[in-house]
Amino acid sequence: EFISGADTAEHQHDTRTSSVACKWEGELNVNRLNMWIGELIQEKSSDLYRYKGVLAVKGMEPKFVFQGVGMLFNGHFSDIHSWAPSEKRECRFVFIGKNLDRDALLKGLEVCKAEESLRFQVGDSIEARTAGGFTKGKIIRLWDEGNPYRIELADGKGTNVWGPIDDKAFVRSA
């Protein structure tokens, strides 16, 4: 009796609610994604009802899975799902909310794509941004654990750091 007539009852739909889905073949830089998601949550959390995705991260075999509601975001590399050697590496996202700007969301995701080619190669002398400013170092690995660069600092201790984004704000020529 409670739901009888529910199909004919008068109700309203909020036309501001929509979804934006995106799928593309390729990989992304998880550091760029985290920065972008952080900014998106700060600016639009009240408009984001739900968002989720499965992502291919350059330099990582496990799939990166994320989901969120409003300001609550959870993203991690899966312990049980990895990209098979024959599987196309792709990224899938969906955002559900109100007043979603499809073009802005797609542009934000585009910025997260992994660089096709990097500015530096293994063996190159560089300067890496550290807590104490820029420190001289050498590139020792590319796309290490989702980071474009693994760097050994010239600090006499063999300290290794990552260059999280291929940008002069993080890694620059020596």
C-alpha atoms as a PDB file:
ATOM      1  CA  GLU A   1       0.000   0.000   0.000  1.00  0.00           C
ATOM      2  CA  PHE A   2       2.918   2.336   0.799  1.00  0.00           C
ATOM      3  CA  ILE A   3       4.252   2.280  -2.750  1.00  0.00           C
ATOM      4  CA  SER A   4       1.042   1.622  -4.623  1.00  0.00           C
ATOM      5  CA  GLY A   5       0.520   4.395  -7.117  1.00  0.00           C
ATOM      6  CA  ALA A   6       4.153   5.492  -6.898  1.00  0.00           C
ATOM      7  CA  ASP A   7       4.483   5.336 -10.676  1.00  0.00           C
ATOM      8  CA  THR A   8       1.674   7.818 -11.127  1.00  0.00           C
ATOM      9  CA  ALA A   9       2.525  10.058  -8.174  1.00  0.00           C
ATOM     10  CA  GLU A  10       3.651  13.570  -8.919  1.00  0.00           C
ATOM     11  CA  HIS A  11       7.380  14.149  -8.389  1.00  0.00           C
ATOM     12  CA  GLN A  12      10.144  16.427  -9.605  1.00  0.00           C
ATOM     13  CA  HIS A  13      13.561  15.682 -11.063  1.00  0.00           C
ATOM     14  CA  ASP A  14      16.461  18.065 -10.562  1.00  0.00           C
ATOM     15  CA  THR A  15      17.587  18.862 -14.110  1.00  0.00           C
ATOM     16  CA  ARG A  16      20.926  20.140 -12.794  1.00  0.00           C
ATOM     17  CA  THR A  17      21.984  16.541 -12.003  1.00  0.00           C
ATOM     18  CA  SER A  18      24.016  14.864 -14.710  1.00  0.00           C
ATOM     19  CA  SER A  19      26.964  12.576 -15.284  1.00  0.00           C
ATOM     20  CA  VAL A  20      30.198  12.863 -17.210  1.00  0.00           C
ATOM     21  CA  ALA A  21      31.943   9.675 -18.290  1.00  0.00           C
ATOM     22  CA  CYS A  22      35.262   9.363 -20.035  1.00  0.00           C
ATOM     23  CA  LYS A  23      37.323   6.476 -21.360  1.00  0.00           C
ATOM     24  CA  TRP A  24      40.627   6.719 -23.181  1.00  0.00           C
ATOM     25  CA  GLU A  25      43.419   4.388 -24.084  1.00  0.00           C
ATOM     26  CA  GLY A  26      46.723   5.290 -22.469  1.00  0.00           C
ATOM     27  CA  GLU A  27      48.259   5.982 -19.093  1.00  0.00           C
ATOM     28  CA  LEU A  28      48.322   8.843 -16.663  1.00  0.00           C
ATOM     29  CA  ASN A  29      50.616  10.397 -14.124  1.00  0.00           C
ATOM     30  CA  VAL A  30      49.058   9.614 -10.739  1.00  0.00           C
ATOM     31  CA  ASN A  31      50.764  12.646  -9.163  1.00  0.00           C
ATOM     32  CA  ARG A  32      49.031  14.971 -11.620  1.00  0.00           C
ATOM     33  CA  LEU A  33      45.744  13.158 -10.931  1.00  0.00           C
ATOM     34  CA  ASN A  34      46.085  13.596  -7.162  1.00  0.00           C
ATOM     35  CA  MET A  35      46.817  17.306  -7.578  1.00  0.00           C
ATOM     36  CA  TRP A  36      43.856  17.774  -9.926  1.00  0.00           C
ATOM     37  CA  ILE A  37      41.416  15.752  -7.788  1.00  0.00           C
ATOM     38  CA  GLY A  38      42.524  17.774  -4.739  1.00  0.00           C
ATOM     39  CA  GLU A  39      41.760  21.045  -6.532  1.00  0.00           C
ATOM     40  CA  LEU A  40      38.463  19.692  -7.882  1.00  0.00           C
ATOM     41  CA  ILE A  41      37.327  18.603  -4.420  1.00  0.00           C
ATOM     42  CA  GLN A  42      38.253  21.985  -2.938  1.00  0.00           C
ATOM     43  CA  GLU A  43      36.264  23.870  -5.570  1.00  0.00           C
ATOM     44  CA  LYS A  44      33.356  21.563  -6.443  1.00  0.00           C
ATOM     45  CA  SER A  45      32.828  19.047  -3.612  1.00  0.00           C
ATOM     46  CA  SER A  46      29.282  20.212  -2.927  1.00  0.00           C
ATOM     47  CA  ASP A  47      28.405  19.506  -6.579  1.00  0.00           C
ATOM     48  CA  LEU A  48      30.077  16.068  -6.723  1.00  0.00           C
ATOM     49  CA  TYR A  49      27.670  13.369  -5.605  1.00  0.00           C
ATOM     50  CA  ARG A  50      29.802  10.421  -6.707  1.00  0.00           C
ATOM     51  CA  TYR A  51      32.913   9.777  -8.791  1.00  0.00           C
ATOM     52  CA  LYS A  52      34.929   6.675  -9.537  1.00  0.00           C
ATOM     53  CA  GLY A  53      37.409   5.227 -11.954  1.00  0.00           C
ATOM     54  CA  VAL A  54      39.897   2.527 -12.899  1.00  0.00           C
ATOM     55  CA  LEU A  55      43.166   3.886 -14.226  1.00  0.00           C
ATOM     56  CA  ALA A  56      46.356   2.777 -15.929  1.00  0.00           C
ATOM     57  CA  VAL A  57      49.281   4.552 -14.246  1.00  0.00           C
ATOM     58  CA  LYS A  58      52.530   4.816 -16.183  1.00  0.00           C
ATOM     59  CA  GLY A  59      55.237   2.759 -14.486  1.00  0.00           C
ATOM     60  CA  MET A  60      52.823   0.608 -12.443  1.00  0.00           C
ATOM     61  CA  GLU A  61      51.306  -2.812 -13.174  1.00  0.00           C
ATOM     62  CA  PRO A  62      48.482  -2.772 -10.567  1.00  0.00           C
ATOM     63  CA  LYS A  63      45.306  -0.944 -11.582  1.00  0.00           C
ATOM     64  CA  PHE A  64      44.663   2.315  -9.735  1.00  0.00           C
ATOM     65  CA  VAL A  65      41.096   2.356  -8.400  1.00  0.00           C
ATOM     66  CA  PHE A  66      39.460   5.462  -6.991  1.00  0.00           C
ATOM     67  CA  GLN A  67      36.074   6.527  -5.738  1.00  0.00           C
ATOM     68  CA  GLY A  68      34.643   9.436  -3.890  1.00  0.00           C
ATOM     69  CA  VAL A  69      31.592  11.212  -2.553  1.00  0.00           C
ATOM     70  CA  GLY A  70      31.786  14.979  -2.118  1.00  0.00           C
ATOM     71  CA  MET A  71      35.033  15.720  -0.280  1.00  0.00           C
ATOM     72  CA  LEU A  72      35.693  12.070   0.586  1.00  0.00           C
ATOM     73  CA  PHE A  73      38.229  10.563  -1.838  1.00  0.00           C
ATOM     74  CA  ASN A  74      39.872   7.155  -1.744  1.00  0.00           C
ATOM     75  CA  GLY A  75      42.381   6.027  -4.345  1.00  0.00           C
ATOM     76  CA  HIS A  76      44.828   3.124  -4.263  1.00  0.00           C
ATOM     77  CA  PHE A  77      46.689   0.573  -6.331  1.00  0.00           C
ATOM     78  CA  SER A  78      44.748  -2.695  -6.318  1.00  0.00           C
ATOM     79  CA  ASP A  79      46.249  -5.706  -4.547  1.00  0.00           C
ATOM     80  CA  ILE A  80      44.266  -8.080  -6.752  1.00  0.00           C
ATOM     81  CA  HIS A  81      43.829  -6.412 -10.168  1.00  0.00           C
ATOM     82  CA  SER A  82      46.806  -5.764 -12.458  1.00  0.00           C
ATOM     83  CA  TRP A  83      47.095  -5.011 -16.145  1.00  0.00           C
ATOM     84  CA  ALA A  84      47.681  -8.193 -18.143  1.00  0.00           C
ATOM     85  CA  PRO A  85      50.501  -7.958 -20.728  1.00  0.00           C
ATOM     86  CA  SER A  86      47.979  -8.349 -23.576  1.00  0.00           C
ATOM     87  CA  GLU A  87      45.409  -5.965 -22.059  1.00  0.00           C
ATOM     88  CA  LYS A  88      44.969  -2.435 -23.416  1.00  0.00           C
ATOM     89  CA  ARG A  89      45.976   0.030 -20.738  1.00  0.00           C
ATOM     90  CA  GLU A  90      43.151   2.545 -20.414  1.00  0.00           C
ATOM     91  CA  CYS A  91      41.556   4.974 -18.020  1.00  0.00           C
ATOM     92  CA  ARG A  92      37.837   5.086 -17.190  1.00  0.00           C
ATOM     93  CA  PHE A  93      36.141   7.749 -15.114  1.00  0.00           C
ATOM     94  CA  VAL A  94      32.609   8.770 -14.225  1.00  0.00           C
ATOM     95  CA  PHE A  95      31.458  11.832 -12.307  1.00  0.00           C
ATOM     96  CA  ILE A  96      27.871  12.239 -11.100  1.00  0.00           C
ATOM     97  CA  GLY A  97      26.701  15.524  -9.668  1.00  0.00           C
ATOM     98  CA  LYS A  98      24.979  18.815 -10.280  1.00  0.00           C
ATOM     99  CA  ASN A  99      26.102  21.678 -12.472  1.00  0.00           C
ATOM    100  CA  LEU A 100      28.949  19.583 -13.899  1.00  0.00           C
ATOM    101  CA  ASP A 101      31.068  21.343 -16.499  1.00  0.00           C
ATOM    102  CA  ARG A 102      31.815  18.510 -18.919  1.00  0.00           C
ATOM    103  CA  ASP A 103      34.497  20.410 -20.846  1.00  0.00           C
ATOM    104  CA  ALA A 104      36.314  21.494 -17.669  1.00  0.00           C
ATOM    105  CA  LEU A 105      36.278  17.930 -16.285  1.00  0.00           C
ATOM    106  CA  LEU A 106      37.600  16.453 -19.530  1.00  0.00           C
ATOM    107  CA  LYS A 107      40.284  19.161 -19.786  1.00  0.00           C
ATOM    108  CA  GLY A 108      41.338  18.464 -16.186  1.00  0.00           C
ATOM    109  CA  LEU A 109      41.653  14.750 -16.917  1.00  0.00           C
ATOM    110  CA  GLU A 110      43.616  15.464 -20.101  1.00  0.00           C
ATOM    111  CA  VAL A 111      46.243  17.320 -18.056  1.00  0.00           C
ATOM    112  CA  CYS A 112      46.738  14.148 -15.985  1.00  0.00           C
ATOM    113  CA  LYS A 113      47.895  12.059 -18.953  1.00  0.00           C
ATOM    114  CA  ALA A 114      51.440  10.729 -18.679  1.00  0.00           C
ATOM    115  CA  GLU A 115      54.032  12.445 -20.805  1.00  0.00           C
ATOM    116  CA  GLU A 116      54.829  10.614 -24.054  1.00  0.00           C
ATOM    117  CA  SER A 117      58.489  11.585 -23.819  1.00  0.00           C
ATOM    118  CA  LEU A 118      60.449  12.933 -20.890  1.00  0.00           C
ATOM    119  CA  ARG A 119      62.908  15.844 -20.892  1.00  0.00           C
ATOM    120  CA  PHE A 120      65.696  13.848 -19.223  1.00  0.00           C
ATOM    121  CA  GLN A 121      67.145  10.364 -19.682  1.00  0.00           C
ATOM    122  CA  VAL A 122      68.925   7.913 -17.368  1.00  0.00           C
ATOM    123  CA  GLY A 123      72.371   9.288 -16.541  1.00  0.00           C
ATOM    124  CA  ASP A 124      71.479  12.966 -17.048  1.00  0.00           C
ATOM    125  CA  SER A 125      72.699  15.408 -14.388  1.00  0.00           C
ATOM    126  CA  ILE A 126      69.836  17.480 -13.002  1.00  0.00           C
ATOM    127  CA  GLU A 127      68.697  19.440  -9.968  1.00  0.00           C
ATOM    128  CA  ALA A 128      65.770  18.040  -7.988  1.00  0.00           C
ATOM    129  CA  ARG A 129      63.519  20.033  -5.680  1.00  0.00           C
ATOM    130  CA  THR A 130      63.885  18.814  -2.125  1.00  0.00           C
ATOM    131  CA  ALA A 131      62.834  20.164   1.271  1.00  0.00           C
ATOM    132  CA  GLY A 132      65.999  22.292   1.363  1.00  0.00           C
ATOM    133  CA  GLY A 133      65.614  23.691  -2.154  1.00  0.00           C
ATOM    134  CA  PHE A 134      67.125  22.318  -5.352  1.00  0.00           C
ATOM    135  CA  THR A 135      69.823  19.665  -4.957  1.00  0.00           C
ATOM    136  CA  LYS A 136      72.143  18.285  -7.639  1.00  0.00           C
ATOM    137  CA  GLY A 137      71.501  14.721  -8.679  1.00  0.00           C
ATOM    138  CA  LYS A 138      71.391  12.183 -11.493  1.00  0.00           C
ATOM    139  CA  ILE A 139      68.462  10.418 -13.165  1.00  0.00           C
ATOM    140  CA  ILE A 140      68.759   6.690 -12.367  1.00  0.00           C
ATOM    141  CA  ARG A 141      65.395   5.365 -13.565  1.00  0.00           C
ATOM    142  CA  LEU A 142      62.414   6.454 -15.684  1.00  0.00           C
ATOM    143  CA  TRP A 143      58.797   5.800 -14.700  1.00  0.00           C
ATOM    144  CA  ASP A 144      59.607   4.284 -11.349  1.00  0.00           C
ATOM    145  CA  GLU A 145      56.565   3.402  -9.229  1.00  0.00           C
ATOM    146  CA  GLY A 146      54.378   5.855 -11.131  1.00  0.00           C
ATOM    147  CA  ASN A 147      56.880   8.732 -11.027  1.00  0.00           C
ATOM    148  CA  PRO A 148      58.580  10.031 -14.184  1.00  0.00           C
ATOM    149  CA  TYR A 149      62.016  10.108 -12.520  1.00  0.00           C
ATOM    150  CA  ARG A 150      63.951   8.343  -9.813  1.00  0.00           C
ATOM    151  CA  ILE A 151      66.885  10.526  -8.858  1.00  0.00           C
ATOM    152  CA  GLU A 152      70.017   9.854  -6.844  1.00  0.00           C
ATOM    153  CA  LEU A 153      71.026  13.022  -5.058  1.00  0.00           C
ATOM    154  CA  ALA A 154      74.685  14.096  -5.024  1.00  0.00           C
ATOM    155  CA  ASP A 155      74.584  14.372  -1.229  1.00  0.00           C
ATOM    156  CA  GLY A 156      77.274  11.781  -0.501  1.00  0.00           C
ATOM    157  CA  LYS A 157      74.666   9.490   1.089  1.00  0.00           C
ATOM    158  CA  GLY A 158      73.156   7.922  -2.044  1.00  0.00           C
ATOM    159  CA  THR A 159      69.746   9.392  -1.189  1.00  0.00           C
ATOM    160  CA  ASN A 160      67.058   8.607  -3.772  1.00  0.00           C
ATOM    161  CA  VAL A 161      64.044  10.818  -4.436  1.00  0.00           C
ATOM    162  CA  TRP A 162      61.347  10.885  -7.079  1.00  0.00           C
ATOM    163  CA  GLY A 163      60.616  13.589  -9.586  1.00  0.00           C
ATOM    164  CA  PRO A 164      56.799  13.323  -9.407  1.00  0.00           C
ATOM    165  CA  ILE A 165      56.071  15.441 -12.490  1.00  0.00           C
ATOM    166  CA  ASP A 166      58.238  16.232 -15.518  1.00  0.00           C
ATOM    167  CA  ASP A 167      58.214  19.965 -14.872  1.00  0.00           C
ATOM    168  CA  LYS A 168      60.967  22.455 -14.044  1.00  0.00           C
ATOM    169  CA  ALA A 169      59.229  23.170 -10.731  1.00  0.00           C
ATOM    170  CA  PHE A 170      60.314  19.659  -9.640  1.00  0.00           C
ATOM    171  CA  VAL A 171      63.280  18.691 -11.864  1.00  0.00           C
ATOM    172  CA  ARG A 172      65.453  21.105 -13.808  1.00  0.00           C
ATOM    173  CA  SER A 173      68.691  21.074 -15.798  1.00  0.00           C
ATOM    174  CA  ALA A 174      71.886  21.232 -13.752  1.00  0.00           C
END
